[in-house]
Protein backbone atom coordinates (compact mmCIF):
# COMPACT_ATOMS: atom_id res chain seq x y z
CA MET A 1 71.07 -46.81 19.13
CA ALA A 2 73.81 -44.53 20.35
CA VAL A 3 75.08 -44.87 23.89
CA GLU A 4 74.32 -41.82 26.08
CA ILE A 5 77.49 -40.18 27.30
CA THR A 6 77.23 -37.57 30.07
CA ILE A 7 79.74 -35.76 32.23
CA ALA A 8 78.80 -34.09 35.50
CA ARG A 9 79.53 -30.37 35.35
CA PRO A 10 78.73 -28.79 38.72
CA GLU A 11 80.49 -25.62 37.57
CA LEU A 12 77.50 -24.93 35.25
CA LEU A 13 75.19 -24.81 38.25
CA GLN A 14 77.63 -22.52 40.07
CA VAL A 15 77.72 -20.15 37.09
CA ALA A 16 73.90 -20.20 36.86
CA ASP A 17 73.61 -19.38 40.56
CA ALA A 18 76.10 -16.51 40.25
CA VAL A 19 74.37 -14.98 37.21
CA ALA A 20 70.94 -15.34 38.85
CA ARG A 21 72.16 -13.52 41.96
CA GLU A 22 73.90 -10.78 39.99
CA LYS A 23 71.01 -10.10 37.63
CA MET A 24 68.33 -10.77 40.27
CA ILE A 25 66.49 -13.26 38.08
CA GLU A 26 65.42 -16.86 38.56
CA ARG A 27 68.08 -19.62 38.44
CA GLU A 28 65.79 -21.67 36.19
CA GLU A 29 65.74 -18.93 33.56
CA VAL A 30 69.55 -18.85 33.47
CA LEU A 31 69.72 -22.66 33.05
CA GLU A 32 67.17 -22.47 30.22
CA ALA A 33 69.39 -19.88 28.52
CA MET A 34 72.39 -22.23 28.89
CA GLU A 35 70.37 -25.11 27.39
CA GLU A 36 69.47 -22.90 24.45
CA ALA A 37 73.15 -22.02 23.91
CA ILE A 38 74.21 -25.70 24.01
CA GLN A 39 71.43 -26.57 21.56
CA LYS A 40 72.69 -23.89 19.17
CA ALA A 41 76.22 -25.29 19.37
CA GLY A 42 74.83 -28.80 18.85
CA ARG A 43 72.99 -27.77 15.69
CA ALA A 44 76.17 -26.09 14.41
CA LYS A 45 78.00 -29.41 14.80
CA TYR A 46 75.33 -31.95 13.78
CA GLY A 47 73.27 -29.92 11.32
CA HIS A 48 71.07 -26.83 11.67
CA GLU A 49 68.16 -28.61 10.06
CA LYS A 50 68.03 -31.28 12.78
CA ASP A 51 66.05 -31.08 16.03
CA ILE A 52 68.88 -31.06 18.59
CA ARG A 53 67.91 -30.61 22.23
CA ALA A 54 69.99 -30.17 25.37
CA VAL A 55 69.04 -30.74 29.01
CA ILE A 56 71.11 -29.72 32.03
CA ASP A 57 70.51 -31.85 35.11
CA ARG A 58 69.42 -29.52 37.89
CA LYS A 59 71.18 -31.62 40.55
CA ASN A 60 74.66 -32.39 39.23
CA GLY A 61 74.94 -30.16 36.13
CA GLU A 62 75.46 -32.99 33.64
CA VAL A 63 74.51 -32.12 30.05
CA ARG A 64 72.45 -34.51 27.95
CA LEU A 65 72.47 -33.79 24.24
CA SER A 66 70.09 -35.69 21.96
CA ARG A 67 68.52 -35.71 18.54
CA TRP A 68 64.72 -35.85 18.38
CA THR A 69 62.96 -37.38 15.39
CA GLU A 70 59.16 -37.27 15.12
CA VAL A 71 57.29 -40.38 14.02
CA VAL A 72 54.70 -39.56 11.32
CA ASP A 73 52.08 -41.75 9.68
CA GLN A 74 52.78 -40.68 6.11
CA GLU A 75 55.21 -41.39 3.32
CA PRO A 76 57.15 -39.63 2.03
CA VAL A 77 57.74 -37.40 5.06
CA GLU A 78 57.73 -33.61 4.74
CA ASN A 79 61.09 -33.11 6.48
CA GLU A 80 63.55 -36.00 6.44
CA ALA A 81 65.83 -34.24 8.97
CA THR A 82 63.25 -34.15 11.76
CA GLN A 83 60.69 -36.83 10.76
CA ILE A 84 60.65 -40.58 10.17
CA PRO A 85 57.90 -42.81 8.69
CA LEU A 86 55.98 -44.97 11.18
CA ARG A 87 56.91 -48.15 9.23
CA ILE A 88 60.65 -47.58 9.65
CA ALA A 89 60.32 -46.27 13.22
CA GLN A 90 58.57 -49.48 14.35
CA LYS A 91 61.56 -51.50 13.11
CA ILE A 92 63.84 -49.39 15.31
CA LYS A 93 61.50 -49.29 18.30
CA PRO A 94 58.60 -51.78 18.14
CA GLY A 95 55.27 -50.47 19.40
CA ILE A 96 56.04 -46.80 18.83
CA GLN A 97 53.09 -44.71 17.59
CA ALA A 98 52.72 -41.71 15.29
CA GLY A 99 53.25 -38.43 17.15
CA GLU A 100 55.92 -39.87 19.44
CA PHE A 101 59.65 -39.20 19.13
CA ILE A 102 62.75 -41.34 18.66
CA ILE A 103 65.42 -39.86 20.91
CA ASP A 104 69.03 -40.54 19.97
CA PRO A 105 71.63 -39.51 22.59
CA LEU A 106 74.61 -37.58 21.21
CA PRO A 107 78.13 -37.26 22.65
CA PRO A 108 78.93 -34.08 24.59
CA ILE A 109 80.19 -31.13 22.62
CA ASP A 110 83.77 -30.01 22.94
CA PHE A 111 83.29 -26.23 22.85
CA GLY A 112 85.81 -24.54 20.62
CA ARG A 113 86.55 -20.84 20.78
CA VAL A 114 83.92 -19.96 18.16
CA ASN A 115 81.22 -22.18 19.67
CA ALA A 116 81.99 -20.89 23.16
CA GLN A 117 81.69 -17.28 21.98
CA SER A 118 78.41 -18.06 20.20
CA ALA A 119 77.04 -19.80 23.29
CA LYS A 120 78.02 -16.82 25.44
CA GLN A 121 76.15 -14.46 23.12
CA VAL A 122 73.02 -16.62 23.32
CA ILE A 123 73.16 -16.74 27.12
CA VAL A 124 73.78 -12.99 27.42
CA GLN A 125 70.93 -12.21 25.02
CA ARG A 126 68.51 -14.54 26.78
CA VAL A 127 69.44 -13.19 30.22
CA ARG A 128 68.97 -9.63 28.92
CA GLU A 129 65.50 -10.54 27.63
CA VAL A 130 64.59 -12.00 31.01
CA GLU A 131 65.87 -8.84 32.73
CA ARG A 132 63.77 -6.66 30.43
CA ARG A 133 60.64 -8.72 30.98
CA LYS A 134 61.21 -8.57 34.71
CA GLN A 135 61.66 -4.79 34.57
CA PHE A 136 58.45 -4.36 32.57
CA ASP A 137 56.50 -6.59 34.95
CA GLU A 138 57.85 -4.60 37.90
CA TYR A 139 57.12 -1.11 36.56
CA LYS A 140 53.96 -1.58 34.46
CA ASP A 141 51.87 -1.58 37.63
CA ARG A 142 53.64 1.49 39.00
CA VAL A 143 52.22 3.96 36.49
CA GLY A 144 50.89 6.90 38.49
CA GLU A 145 53.59 6.69 41.19
CA ILE A 146 56.30 9.19 42.09
CA ILE A 147 59.79 7.73 41.89
CA ASN A 148 63.27 8.98 42.82
CA GLY A 149 66.28 8.51 40.58
CA THR A 150 69.66 9.85 39.60
CA VAL A 151 70.45 11.62 36.33
CA LYS A 152 72.72 9.23 34.47
CA ARG A 153 73.28 11.10 31.21
CA THR A 154 71.72 13.65 28.86
CA GLU A 155 70.72 12.83 25.28
CA TYR A 156 69.60 15.75 23.08
CA GLY A 157 68.22 17.54 26.12
CA ASN A 158 66.39 14.46 27.38
CA LEU A 159 67.46 12.98 30.71
CA MET A 160 68.19 9.28 31.23
CA VAL A 161 67.40 8.58 34.87
CA ASP A 162 68.86 5.64 36.78
CA LEU A 163 66.17 4.12 39.00
CA GLY A 164 68.51 1.50 40.46
CA ARG A 165 67.14 -1.58 38.73
CA ALA A 166 66.01 0.15 35.54
CA GLU A 167 66.56 3.22 33.43
CA ALA A 168 63.83 5.78 32.65
CA LEU A 169 63.43 8.64 30.20
CA LEU A 170 62.55 12.19 31.29
CA ARG A 171 62.01 14.16 28.11
CA ARG A 172 62.87 17.83 27.90
CA ASP A 173 59.20 18.83 27.39
CA GLU A 174 58.27 16.88 30.55
CA THR A 175 60.55 18.98 32.74
CA ILE A 176 59.51 22.25 34.37
CA PRO A 177 60.67 25.28 32.35
CA ARG A 178 63.99 26.81 33.44
CA GLU A 179 64.97 23.88 35.65
CA ALA A 180 68.28 22.20 34.81
CA PHE A 181 69.79 18.89 35.91
CA LYS A 182 73.38 17.69 35.74
CA ASN A 183 74.72 14.15 35.75
CA GLY A 184 74.51 12.75 39.25
CA ASP A 185 71.66 15.06 40.37
CA ARG A 186 68.77 13.50 42.26
CA VAL A 187 65.43 13.87 40.52
CA ARG A 188 61.87 13.13 41.61
CA ALA A 189 59.32 12.49 38.86
CA TYR A 190 56.00 10.88 38.01
CA ILE A 191 55.74 7.61 36.04
CA TYR A 192 53.08 8.34 33.41
CA ASP A 193 53.70 5.47 30.98
CA VAL A 194 55.53 2.16 30.69
CA ARG A 195 55.76 0.55 27.27
CA GLU A 196 57.33 -2.69 26.12
CA GLU A 197 59.41 -1.94 23.05
CA PRO A 198 61.84 -4.06 20.95
CA ARG A 199 64.88 -2.57 22.69
CA GLY A 200 63.34 -3.23 26.11
CA PRO A 201 60.80 -1.66 28.43
CA GLN A 202 60.64 2.13 28.22
CA ILE A 203 59.71 3.96 31.42
CA PHE A 204 58.54 7.52 30.80
CA LEU A 205 58.77 10.14 33.54
CA SER A 206 57.22 13.59 33.88
CA ARG A 207 57.46 16.58 36.18
CA THR A 208 54.76 18.55 34.33
CA HIS A 209 51.95 15.97 34.50
CA PRO A 210 48.94 17.02 36.65
CA GLY A 211 49.26 13.68 38.42
CA PHE A 212 52.71 14.71 39.71
CA LEU A 213 51.20 17.62 41.63
CA ALA A 214 48.39 15.42 42.98
CA LYS A 215 50.85 12.76 44.19
CA LEU A 216 53.07 15.36 45.83
CA PHE A 217 50.08 16.57 47.84
CA ALA A 218 49.25 12.96 48.75
CA GLN A 219 52.75 12.68 50.24
CA GLU A 220 52.43 15.94 52.17
CA VAL A 221 48.79 15.72 53.30
CA PRO A 222 47.92 12.64 55.39
CA GLU A 223 44.18 13.26 54.86
CA ILE A 224 44.64 12.77 51.10
CA TYR A 225 46.73 9.63 51.60
CA ASP A 226 44.06 8.22 53.93
CA GLY A 227 41.27 9.03 51.47
CA ILE A 228 39.48 11.56 53.70
CA ILE A 229 40.22 14.32 51.20
CA GLU A 230 39.99 13.60 47.48
CA ILE A 231 41.66 15.52 44.66
CA ARG A 232 38.98 15.72 41.96
CA ALA A 233 40.79 17.75 39.28
CA VAL A 234 44.14 19.37 38.55
CA ALA A 235 45.17 21.86 35.86
CA ARG A 236 48.73 23.09 35.48
CA ASP A 237 50.79 25.65 33.66
CA PRO A 238 54.08 23.98 34.74
CA GLY A 239 56.45 26.21 36.63
CA SER A 240 54.00 29.13 36.69
CA ARG A 241 50.59 28.34 38.14
CA ALA A 242 48.23 25.46 38.93
CA LYS A 243 44.67 24.95 40.12
CA MET A 244 43.56 21.95 42.17
CA ALA A 245 39.98 21.09 43.16
CA VAL A 246 39.52 19.12 46.39
CA ILE A 247 36.58 17.72 48.36
CA SER A 248 36.36 16.28 51.88
CA ARG A 249 34.44 13.13 52.78
CA ASP A 250 34.33 14.37 56.38
CA SER A 251 32.24 17.53 56.82
CA SER A 252 34.30 18.50 59.89
CA ILE A 253 37.51 18.78 57.84
CA ASP A 254 38.15 21.77 55.59
CA PRO A 255 39.79 20.31 52.44
CA VAL A 256 41.42 23.59 51.40
CA GLY A 257 42.81 24.31 54.86
CA ALA A 258 44.15 20.77 55.22
CA CYS A 259 46.03 21.05 51.92
CA VAL A 260 47.44 24.47 52.77
CA GLY A 261 48.64 23.33 56.20
CA MET A 262 49.71 25.31 59.25
CA ARG A 263 51.07 28.64 57.97
CA GLY A 264 51.15 27.16 54.47
CA SER A 265 53.72 24.51 55.36
CA ARG A 266 52.17 21.73 53.28
CA VAL A 267 51.52 23.70 50.14
CA GLN A 268 54.94 25.38 50.35
CA ALA A 269 56.67 21.98 50.33
CA VAL A 270 54.95 21.22 47.01
CA VAL A 271 55.62 24.70 45.63
CA GLN A 272 59.33 24.29 46.39
CA GLU A 273 59.48 20.95 44.54
CA LEU A 274 57.72 22.57 41.55
CA GLN A 275 60.20 25.44 41.28
CA GLY A 276 57.91 28.09 42.78
CA GLU A 277 54.74 27.16 40.87
CA LYS A 278 51.84 29.09 42.41
CA ILE A 279 48.98 26.75 43.42
CA ASP A 280 45.32 27.74 43.82
CA ILE A 281 43.44 25.18 45.94
CA ILE A 282 39.67 25.44 45.49
CA PRO A 283 36.71 23.44 46.83
CA TRP A 284 35.15 21.09 44.28
CA SER A 285 31.37 21.28 43.79
CA GLY A 286 28.91 19.00 42.04
CA ASP A 287 27.03 22.10 40.89
CA ASN A 288 28.68 23.14 37.62
CA ALA A 289 27.95 26.85 38.02
CA THR A 290 29.41 26.91 41.54
CA PHE A 291 32.47 24.94 40.42
CA VAL A 292 33.14 27.38 37.57
CA VAL A 293 32.84 30.33 39.95
CA ASN A 294 35.28 28.66 42.38
CA ALA A 295 37.70 27.85 39.57
CA LEU A 296 37.90 31.48 38.46
CA ALA A 297 39.04 32.62 41.91
CA PRO A 298 40.42 35.07 42.96
CA ALA A 299 38.14 36.92 40.48
CA GLU A 300 34.56 37.72 41.57
CA VAL A 301 31.69 36.50 39.39
CA THR A 302 28.24 38.14 39.24
CA LYS A 303 26.44 35.88 36.75
CA VAL A 304 26.85 32.44 35.16
CA VAL A 305 24.92 31.09 32.14
CA LEU A 306 25.45 27.41 31.27
CA ASP A 307 24.95 25.69 27.91
CA ASP A 308 24.94 22.01 28.88
CA GLU A 309 24.83 20.63 25.33
CA ALA A 310 27.87 22.56 24.13
CA ARG A 311 29.52 22.43 27.58
CA ARG A 312 30.00 26.14 27.31
CA VAL A 313 29.57 28.67 30.12
CA GLU A 314 29.22 32.42 29.92
CA VAL A 315 30.58 34.26 32.95
CA VAL A 316 29.84 37.90 33.76
CA VAL A 317 32.29 39.75 36.03
CA PRO A 318 32.46 43.35 37.27
CA ASP A 319 34.35 45.68 34.93
CA ASP A 320 37.26 46.03 37.36
CA GLN A 321 37.58 42.22 37.69
CA LEU A 322 38.04 41.43 33.99
CA SER A 323 41.85 41.39 33.95
CA LEU A 324 41.91 39.31 37.15
CA ALA A 325 39.43 36.78 35.75
CA ILE A 326 41.33 36.41 32.49
CA GLY A 327 44.75 36.43 34.11
CA ARG A 328 48.11 37.16 32.60
CA ARG A 329 48.08 35.97 28.98
CA GLY A 330 44.72 34.30 29.68
CA GLN A 331 46.26 31.96 32.22
CA ASN A 332 43.51 32.11 34.87
CA VAL A 333 40.59 31.44 32.54
CA ARG A 334 42.56 28.80 30.64
CA LEU A 335 43.39 26.85 33.80
CA ALA A 336 39.80 27.22 35.04
CA SER A 337 38.55 25.83 31.73
CA GLN A 338 40.94 22.86 31.95
CA LEU A 339 39.96 22.23 35.56
CA THR A 340 36.19 22.31 35.00
CA ARG A 341 36.26 20.93 31.42
CA TRP A 342 33.92 23.70 30.35
CA ASP A 343 34.62 26.30 27.66
CA ILE A 344 34.47 29.63 29.50
CA ASP A 345 33.56 32.96 27.89
CA ILE A 346 34.10 36.03 30.09
CA LEU A 347 32.14 39.25 29.72
CA THR A 348 32.09 42.40 31.80
CA GLU A 349 28.80 43.68 33.15
CA ALA A 350 28.94 46.55 30.66
CA GLU A 351 29.53 44.21 27.71
CA GLU A 352 26.77 41.88 28.85
CA SER A 353 24.33 44.77 29.24
CA GLU A 354 25.22 46.12 25.81
CA ARG A 355 24.77 42.70 24.23
CA ARG A 356 21.38 42.23 25.91
CA GLN A 357 20.28 45.60 24.60
CA GLU A 358 21.47 44.74 21.10
CA GLU A 359 19.62 41.41 21.18
CA PHE A 360 16.50 43.23 22.47
CA ARG A 361 16.69 45.78 19.62
CA LYS A 362 17.25 43.05 17.03
CA ARG A 363 14.33 40.89 18.18
CA SER A 364 12.04 43.89 18.64
CA GLY A 365 12.85 45.04 15.12
CA LEU A 366 12.00 41.59 13.78
CA PHE A 367 8.57 41.64 15.43
CA VAL A 368 7.89 45.23 14.33
CA GLU A 369 8.63 44.30 10.71
CA ALA A 370 7.01 40.87 10.62
CA LEU A 371 3.89 41.57 12.68
CA ASP A 372 3.41 45.25 11.81
CA VAL A 373 3.17 46.24 15.48
CA ASP A 374 4.58 49.15 17.44
CA ASP A 375 7.70 49.10 19.62
CA VAL A 376 5.69 48.58 22.82
CA ILE A 377 4.05 45.33 21.71
CA ALA A 378 7.31 44.10 20.16
CA GLY A 379 9.11 44.88 23.40
CA LEU A 380 6.52 42.97 25.43
CA LEU A 381 6.99 39.90 23.23
CA VAL A 382 10.78 40.02 23.65
CA THR A 383 10.46 40.54 27.39
CA GLU A 384 8.21 37.48 27.62
CA GLY A 385 10.93 35.33 26.02
CA PHE A 386 9.81 35.16 22.37
CA THR A 387 12.87 34.99 20.11
CA SER A 388 11.36 34.31 16.67
CA VAL A 389 8.13 34.57 14.70
CA GLU A 390 7.85 30.77 14.81
CA ASP A 391 7.60 30.99 18.62
CA ILE A 392 4.35 32.96 18.30
CA ILE A 393 2.81 30.28 16.07
CA SER A 394 3.79 27.41 18.35
CA VAL A 395 2.60 28.95 21.66
CA GLU A 396 -0.89 28.24 23.04
CA ASP A 397 -3.51 30.99 22.51
CA GLU A 398 -4.14 31.22 26.26
CA GLU A 399 -0.48 31.82 27.02
CA LEU A 400 -0.19 34.55 24.40
CA ALA A 401 -3.42 36.19 25.56
CA GLY A 402 -2.18 36.06 29.16
CA ILE A 403 0.55 38.64 28.49
CA GLU A 404 -0.21 41.90 30.30
CA GLY A 405 -2.13 44.24 27.96
CA PHE A 406 -3.07 41.42 25.55
CA ASP A 407 -6.41 39.66 25.17
CA GLU A 408 -7.78 36.84 23.00
CA SER A 409 -8.43 39.09 20.02
CA VAL A 410 -4.87 40.53 20.14
CA ALA A 411 -3.40 37.03 20.44
CA ALA A 412 -5.46 35.76 17.47
CA GLU A 413 -4.46 38.77 15.33
CA LEU A 414 -0.75 38.33 16.20
CA LYS A 415 -0.91 34.65 15.22
CA ARG A 416 -2.68 35.53 11.94
CA ARG A 417 -0.04 38.11 11.08
CA ALA A 418 2.78 35.71 12.03
CA GLU A 419 1.37 32.96 9.79
CA SER A 420 0.95 35.42 6.92
CA TRP A 421 4.52 36.69 7.28
CA LEU A 422 5.96 33.17 7.43
CA GLU A 423 4.03 32.17 4.28
CA ARG A 424 5.37 35.18 2.39
CA ARG A 425 8.89 34.52 3.64
CA ASP A 426 8.74 30.84 2.64
CA VAL A 427 7.55 31.78 -0.86
CA GLU A 428 10.44 34.23 -1.24
CA LEU A 429 12.94 31.70 0.06
CA ASP A 430 11.55 28.98 -2.23
CA GLU A 431 11.99 31.29 -5.23
CA LYS A 432 15.52 32.06 -4.10
CA ARG A 433 16.22 28.33 -3.68
CA ARG A 434 15.03 27.65 -7.24
CA GLY A 435 17.11 30.57 -8.49
CA LEU A 436 20.18 29.00 -6.86
CA GLY A 437 19.45 25.75 -8.69
CA VAL A 438 18.66 23.54 -5.68
CA GLU A 439 16.66 20.57 -7.01
CA ASP A 440 13.25 19.61 -5.63
CA ALA A 441 14.68 16.16 -4.79
CA VAL A 442 17.02 17.77 -2.24
CA ALA A 443 14.10 19.67 -0.70
CA GLU A 444 12.04 16.48 -0.40
CA ILE A 445 14.68 14.10 0.97
CA GLY A 446 16.07 15.91 4.00
CA GLY A 447 13.11 17.60 5.61
CA PHE A 448 14.97 20.92 5.22
CA ASN A 449 13.15 24.19 5.84
CA PRO A 450 13.33 26.97 3.21
CA THR A 451 16.11 28.83 5.07
CA GLN A 452 18.27 25.69 5.20
CA LEU A 453 17.67 24.97 1.49
CA VAL A 454 18.90 28.45 0.59
CA ALA A 455 21.96 27.91 2.79
CA LEU A 456 22.66 24.62 0.96
CA GLY A 457 22.36 26.34 -2.40
CA GLU A 458 24.72 29.13 -1.37
CA LYS A 459 27.28 26.45 -0.42
CA GLY A 460 26.94 24.71 -3.81
CA VAL A 461 24.82 21.78 -2.62
CA LYS A 462 22.21 21.67 -5.38
CA THR A 463 21.70 18.02 -6.36
CA LEU A 464 21.34 14.67 -4.59
CA ASP A 465 24.89 13.86 -5.67
CA ASP A 466 26.14 17.07 -4.03
CA LEU A 467 24.28 16.17 -0.83
CA ALA A 468 25.52 12.56 -0.93
CA ASP A 469 29.14 13.73 -1.22
CA LEU A 470 28.95 15.64 2.10
CA ALA A 471 30.25 14.38 5.41
CA SER A 472 27.93 14.68 8.40
CA ASP A 473 29.95 17.49 10.02
CA GLU A 474 29.87 19.48 6.74
CA LEU A 475 26.08 19.20 6.53
CA ILE A 476 25.67 20.22 10.18
CA GLU A 477 27.92 23.23 9.63
CA ILE A 478 25.71 24.41 6.73
CA VAL A 479 22.28 23.96 8.33
CA GLY A 480 23.34 24.72 11.91
CA ALA A 481 24.19 22.55 14.91
CA ASP A 482 20.90 23.48 16.61
CA ALA A 483 18.91 22.26 13.60
CA MET A 484 20.42 18.81 13.09
CA ASP A 485 22.43 16.28 15.10
CA GLU A 486 25.04 13.86 13.74
CA GLU A 487 22.68 10.87 13.61
CA THR A 488 20.09 12.78 11.57
CA ALA A 489 22.78 14.17 9.26
CA ASN A 490 24.10 10.67 8.56
CA ALA A 491 20.55 9.43 7.84
CA VAL A 492 19.94 12.28 5.36
CA ILE A 493 23.25 11.66 3.57
CA MET A 494 22.62 7.90 3.34
CA ALA A 495 19.12 8.59 1.94
CA ALA A 496 20.72 10.83 -0.70
CA ARG A 497 23.09 7.98 -1.66
CA GLU A 498 20.35 5.40 -2.19
CA HIS A 499 19.99 6.30 -5.87
CA TRP A 500 23.66 5.35 -6.36
CA PHE A 501 22.99 1.82 -5.18
CA ALA A 502 19.81 1.61 -7.25
CA GLU A 503 21.76 2.61 -10.37
CA ASP A 504 24.51 0.07 -9.60
CA GLY A 505 21.88 -2.66 -9.23
CA ALA A 506 20.24 -1.74 -12.51
CA ASN A 507 23.59 -1.84 -14.30
CA ALA A 508 24.40 -5.24 -12.77
CA ASP A 509 21.07 -6.74 -13.92
CA GLY A 510 21.29 -5.31 -17.41
CA PRO A 511 22.91 -6.97 -20.47
CA PRO A 512 26.71 -6.77 -20.84
CA ALA A 513 28.00 -3.83 -22.79
């Protein structure tokens, strides 16, 4: 067995301490990098295929280099360079067991110029990796914070910002329009993402993110920082206009007034940082209609109609408020929609009145034609909320007879006429469906009504194969979103595909061709 030769090298510990202080990393990580470099040099000298390990004594800096050989209970061994059979190992070291190692000390390495350069590269690379990991660990939990930095350089319009112990990227599209930075300028931005990439951690900054505005207010308004006032939503058109919804947990504190500040001092500090971006601060409300009305300020709203399923809201404003509600290039309604997360349609009172009249005429005409009644009775039905002939069939006799001017005999006659008209219509639609070539199998499998079957035929869906080839959104688009949801559409399509599987099974069971 070789005699272990070691030489104390306190200068290694001094170098490790200096590097650790300079790079602000742990001394142990630097020593591990040095051990890795010595191991690489050892393999270059004694053979890359061998398991060469180096250990630096943490007290006196002496380097111990050794070759490790694993004892295995099999012959022949898989790797002769790193393994030795148990039978031979027990002759060298009696009592040794499989899984243990025979450790042979090696003489210290005399670093030549090439080996020294290689070792330096290993140490530098390892220290850089440690630095990157430390940077990522430091900044990954700081997403959502505002940070100050200095513009270091510009690359294709993107700014590289020096944060002191790391470098961050502020892309051109994340800066406020028309603002310009030069090398050395101070910049304040919002950390919106930190990703660990092969070339190191990437810290992404933004000055257009809604969170940047919210954090600026948190710095200016103590009530927000303390949690008394909460910012519920922010929508921005960077550099032009923004809307922010706030709510107070203390009924004695006005959230809007607190954010504006004495003579607008607080909001003006934020506006100045955002290059003059105009900010509308509105009170948040749990009532969706009220929140939408607040969001459209400064425009006045006279009527709001919500469609909860489609998350769509129809807003009626006075004729002279239309341009104010929409805003320049649609900015006001767009920001209000982003803030409330509702799709907003704006109508003037005149447009809304005209549309109501048109709907009234259309529905009245339907009842006049289908039920063979005069305009007065048709108008009464529309006024009472009936929108289709099917509504008359589905309503209770008492409710229909309870309409002013109606009685039981009128209600019964209206229902009879409605049923008769629907039967005639269904017969006509069924003939049209057959004329379009829509198979009976399609009519039976999906529970489609005659109108939907005609719509399918007009779109070229005529066989089970045609129906089975559709995606759920395509089927819903044909029959109407109010007639079928995604789950039902998927069930219908899968039912149409069942004959494919049945045919595949029959072919599999049959004799070979």
